[in-house]
C-alpha atoms as a PDB file:
ATOM      1  CA  MET A   1      24.697 -21.662  -4.504  1.00  0.00           C
ATOM      2  CA  ARG A   2      22.812 -20.906  -0.876  1.00  0.00           C
ATOM      3  CA  GLY A   3      20.990 -24.345  -1.390  1.00  0.00           C
ATOM      4  CA  LEU A   4      23.964 -26.230  -1.964  1.00  0.00           C
ATOM      5  CA  ALA A   5      25.879 -25.200   0.502  1.00  0.00           C
ATOM      6  CA  SER A   6      22.918 -25.285   2.912  1.00  0.00           C
ATOM      7  CA  ALA A   7      22.472 -28.847   1.896  1.00  0.00           C
ATOM      8  CA  LEU A   8      26.435 -29.639   2.544  1.00  0.00           C
ATOM      9  CA  LEU A   9      26.597 -27.902   5.838  1.00  0.00           C
ATOM     10  CA  GLY A  10      23.546 -30.054   7.289  1.00  0.00           C
ATOM     11  CA  VAL A  11      25.129 -33.283   7.044  1.00  0.00           C
ATOM     12  CA  GLU A  12      26.158 -34.623  10.149  1.00  0.00           C
ATOM     13  CA  ASN A  13      30.018 -35.885  11.182  1.00  0.00           C
ATOM     14  CA  GLU A  14      30.976 -34.270   7.751  1.00  0.00           C
ATOM     15  CA  VAL A  15      33.507 -30.996   7.458  1.00  0.00           C
ATOM     16  CA  THR A  16      32.530 -29.265   4.450  1.00  0.00           C
ATOM     17  CA  LEU A  17      34.845 -26.318   3.460  1.00  0.00           C
ATOM     18  CA  LEU A  18      33.634 -23.484   1.086  1.00  0.00           C
ATOM     19  CA  ASP A  19      36.275 -21.371  -0.663  1.00  0.00           C
ATOM     20  CA  MET A  20      34.357 -18.248  -1.296  1.00  0.00           C
ATOM     21  CA  GLU A  21      35.725 -15.037  -3.000  1.00  0.00           C
ATOM     22  CA  ALA A  22      37.022 -12.152  -1.170  1.00  0.00           C
ATOM     23  CA  SER A  23      34.397 -10.304  -0.919  1.00  0.00           C
ATOM     24  CA  ILE A  24      31.227  -9.638   1.382  1.00  0.00           C
ATOM     25  CA  GLU A  25      28.765 -10.930  -1.460  1.00  0.00           C
ATOM     26  CA  HIS A  26      28.488 -14.456  -0.401  1.00  0.00           C
ATOM     27  CA  LEU A  27      27.646 -13.559   3.213  1.00  0.00           C
ATOM     28  CA  SER A  28      25.163 -10.732   2.175  1.00  0.00           C
ATOM     29  CA  ARG A  29      23.180 -13.644   0.157  1.00  0.00           C
ATOM     30  CA  SER A  30      23.360 -15.555   3.371  1.00  0.00           C
ATOM     31  CA  THR A  31      25.726 -18.527   1.227  1.00  0.00           C
ATOM     32  CA  PRO A  32      27.299 -19.715   4.409  1.00  0.00           C
ATOM     33  CA  GLN A  33      24.343 -19.582   7.032  1.00  0.00           C
ATOM     34  CA  GLY A  34      24.192 -22.742   9.187  1.00  0.00           C
ATOM     35  CA  ALA A  35      28.245 -22.961   9.568  1.00  0.00           C
ATOM     36  CA  GLU A  36      29.881 -23.760  12.734  1.00  0.00           C
ATOM     37  CA  THR A  37      33.025 -21.520  11.888  1.00  0.00           C
ATOM     38  CA  LEU A  38      33.901 -18.614   9.486  1.00  0.00           C
ATOM     39  CA  LEU A  39      37.562 -18.716   8.236  1.00  0.00           C
ATOM     40  CA  VAL A  40      38.531 -15.116   7.408  1.00  0.00           C
ATOM     41  CA  VAL A  41      41.849 -14.565   5.193  1.00  0.00           C
ATOM     42  CA  VAL A  42      43.608 -11.313   5.853  1.00  0.00           C
ATOM     43  CA  GLU A  43      46.673 -10.032   4.429  1.00  0.00           C
ATOM     44  CA  PRO A  44      48.504  -6.782   5.874  1.00  0.00           C
ATOM     45  CA  TYR A  45      46.896  -4.155   3.536  1.00  0.00           C
ATOM     46  CA  TYR A  46      44.367  -1.694   4.205  1.00  0.00           C
ATOM     47  CA  ARG A  47      41.969  -2.852   1.886  1.00  0.00           C
ATOM     48  CA  ALA A  48      42.208  -6.657   3.221  1.00  0.00           C
ATOM     49  CA  LEU A  49      42.191  -5.399   7.102  1.00  0.00           C
ATOM     50  CA  GLU A  50      38.615  -3.297   6.191  1.00  0.00           C
ATOM     51  CA  THR A  51      37.096  -6.365   4.454  1.00  0.00           C
ATOM     52  CA  ALA A  52      37.740  -8.334   7.201  1.00  0.00           C
ATOM     53  CA  GLY A  53      36.318  -5.936   9.394  1.00  0.00           C
ATOM     54  CA  ARG A  54      32.721  -6.123   7.392  1.00  0.00           C
ATOM     55  CA  ILE A  55      32.801  -9.817   7.287  1.00  0.00           C
ATOM     56  CA  ALA A  56      32.940 -10.883  10.572  1.00  0.00           C
ATOM     57  CA  PRO A  57      29.791  -8.596  11.595  1.00  0.00           C
ATOM     58  CA  LEU A  58      28.044 -10.116   8.544  1.00  0.00           C
ATOM     59  CA  GLY A  59      29.466 -13.731   9.737  1.00  0.00           C
ATOM     60  CA  ARG A  60      27.547 -12.908  13.374  1.00  0.00           C
ATOM     61  CA  GLU A  61      24.464 -11.713  12.114  1.00  0.00           C
ATOM     62  CA  LEU A  62      24.232 -14.785  10.392  1.00  0.00           C
ATOM     63  CA  GLY A  63      24.834 -16.820  13.634  1.00  0.00           C
ATOM     64  CA  ILE A  64      27.904 -18.221  12.900  1.00  0.00           C
ATOM     65  CA  PRO A  65      29.100 -19.052  16.433  1.00  0.00           C
ATOM     66  CA  ARG A  66      33.089 -19.289  15.931  1.00  0.00           C
ATOM     67  CA  ILE A  67      34.894 -16.332  13.321  1.00  0.00           C
ATOM     68  CA  LEU A  68      38.487 -16.812  13.038  1.00  0.00           C
ATOM     69  CA  ALA A  69      40.983 -15.049  11.158  1.00  0.00           C
ATOM     70  CA  ILE A  70      43.957 -16.261   9.652  1.00  0.00           C
ATOM     71  CA  ALA A  71      46.980 -13.717   9.113  1.00  0.00           C
ATOM     72  CA  ASN A  72      48.168 -14.632   5.502  1.00  0.00           C
ATOM     73  CA  LYS A  73      51.500 -13.616   3.642  1.00  0.00           C
ATOM     74  CA  ILE A  74      53.257 -12.250   7.170  1.00  0.00           C
ATOM     75  CA  ARG A  75      56.873 -10.990   6.013  1.00  0.00           C
ATOM     76  CA  ASP A  76      57.751  -9.551   9.577  1.00  0.00           C
ATOM     77  CA  GLU A  77      56.513  -9.176  12.630  1.00  0.00           C
ATOM     78  CA  GLU A  78      55.418  -5.693  11.913  1.00  0.00           C
ATOM     79  CA  ASP A  79      52.896  -7.170   9.299  1.00  0.00           C
ATOM     80  CA  ALA A  80      51.983  -9.648  12.481  1.00  0.00           C
ATOM     81  CA  ARG A  81      51.260  -6.843  14.658  1.00  0.00           C
ATOM     82  CA  VAL A  82      49.191  -4.829  12.274  1.00  0.00           C
ATOM     83  CA  ILE A  83      47.120  -8.272  11.603  1.00  0.00           C
ATOM     84  CA  ARG A  84      47.052  -8.807  15.480  1.00  0.00           C
ATOM     85  CA  GLU A  85      45.879  -5.500  16.371  1.00  0.00           C
ATOM     86  CA  TYR A  86      43.366  -5.068  14.064  1.00  0.00           C
ATOM     87  CA  CYS A  87      42.009  -8.225  14.885  1.00  0.00           C
ATOM     88  CA  ALA A  88      41.476  -7.450  18.403  1.00  0.00           C
ATOM     89  CA  ALA A  89      39.917  -4.068  17.663  1.00  0.00           C
ATOM     90  CA  HIS A  90      37.176  -5.716  15.597  1.00  0.00           C
ATOM     91  CA  HIS A  91      36.820  -8.371  18.553  1.00  0.00           C
ATOM     92  CA  ILE A  92      38.422 -11.210  15.733  1.00  0.00           C
ATOM     93  CA  GLU A  93      39.947 -13.999  17.023  1.00  0.00           C
ATOM     94  CA  LEU A  94      43.403 -14.755  15.475  1.00  0.00           C
ATOM     95  CA  ALA A  95      43.689 -18.531  14.912  1.00  0.00           C
ATOM     96  CA  ALA A  96      47.197 -18.436  12.818  1.00  0.00           C
ATOM     97  CA  GLU A  97      49.657 -16.517  11.224  1.00  0.00           C
ATOM     98  CA  ILE A  98      51.077 -17.918   7.817  1.00  0.00           C
ATOM     99  CA  PRO A  99      54.158 -16.698   6.736  1.00  0.00           C
ATOM    100  CA  TYR A 100      55.257 -15.329   3.272  1.00  0.00           C
ATOM    101  CA  ASP A 101      56.424 -18.126   1.515  1.00  0.00           C
ATOM    102  CA  GLU A 102      58.165 -18.217  -1.937  1.00  0.00           C
ATOM    103  CA  SER A 103      57.480 -21.899  -2.532  1.00  0.00           C
ATOM    104  CA  VAL A 104      53.881 -21.092  -2.409  1.00  0.00           C
ATOM    105  CA  ARG A 105      54.505 -18.977  -5.791  1.00  0.00           C
ATOM    106  CA  ASP A 106      56.683 -21.454  -7.445  1.00  0.00           C
ATOM    107  CA  ALA A 107      53.903 -24.090  -6.663  1.00  0.00           C
ATOM    108  CA  ASP A 108      51.340 -22.288  -8.420  1.00  0.00           C
ATOM    109  CA  ARG A 109      53.774 -21.829 -11.331  1.00  0.00           C
ATOM    110  CA  ARG A 110      54.242 -25.511 -11.459  1.00  0.00           C
ATOM    111  CA  GLY A 111      50.054 -26.007 -11.313  1.00  0.00           C
ATOM    112  CA  ARG A 112      50.630 -28.003  -7.880  1.00  0.00           C
ATOM    113  CA  ALA A 113      49.675 -27.809  -4.763  1.00  0.00           C
ATOM    114  CA  VAL A 114      51.960 -26.139  -2.164  1.00  0.00           C
ATOM    115  CA  ILE A 115      51.811 -29.595  -0.015  1.00  0.00           C
ATOM    116  CA  ASP A 116      52.908 -31.851  -2.525  1.00  0.00           C
ATOM    117  CA  HIS A 117      55.750 -28.918  -4.126  1.00  0.00           C
ATOM    118  CA  ALA A 118      57.284 -28.270  -0.830  1.00  0.00           C
ATOM    119  CA  PRO A 119      55.653 -30.127   2.707  1.00  0.00           C
ATOM    120  CA  GLU A 120      58.151 -28.821   4.497  1.00  0.00           C
ATOM    121  CA  SER A 121      57.626 -25.275   3.994  1.00  0.00           C
ATOM    122  CA  ARG A 122      57.207 -22.676   6.548  1.00  0.00           C
ATOM    123  CA  SER A 123      53.500 -22.033   5.237  1.00  0.00           C
ATOM    124  CA  VAL A 124      52.848 -25.351   5.026  1.00  0.00           C
ATOM    125  CA  LYS A 125      53.667 -26.000   8.972  1.00  0.00           C
ATOM    126  CA  ALA A 126      51.634 -23.460   9.790  1.00  0.00           C
ATOM    127  CA  MET A 127      48.802 -24.452   7.737  1.00  0.00           C
ATOM    128  CA  ARG A 128      49.207 -27.796   9.382  1.00  0.00           C
ATOM    129  CA  GLY A 129      49.439 -26.455  12.554  1.00  0.00           C
ATOM    130  CA  LEU A 130      46.236 -24.905  12.004  1.00  0.00           C
ATOM    131  CA  ALA A 131      44.278 -27.916  10.435  1.00  0.00           C
ATOM    132  CA  ALA A 132      45.155 -29.638  13.803  1.00  0.00           C
ATOM    133  CA  GLN A 133      43.952 -26.858  15.592  1.00  0.00           C
ATOM    134  CA  LEU A 134      40.590 -26.603  13.878  1.00  0.00           C
ATOM    135  CA  ALA A 135      40.224 -30.419  14.084  1.00  0.00           C
END
């Protein structure tokens, strides 16, 4: 996997997205070495926050210059506050807040992408905003 990732990440003028497991395993194996940006998806739960707190330093050790958090499944202001404070305390830039959205679950049940199932949903709008920011 590391060899494939290295080959893909080395292609000039191309964007490569690697969707890795929610763990530190790929980082400890240096899979994303050479990446320009590491997106860490964080949910408002203790274990998810602690995982992000371990992922960011590993990304920095690999020399990844831009490490961004994406707050996911935000149900209310308290969820957002907890993630904002955790990210600030751990020097992780928060790039986006994706709201909890039943249309994501509904799309998954139908075997469809949420962007096709509910293109005007709150979560899709937030993800489009994130994509524009990253571009």
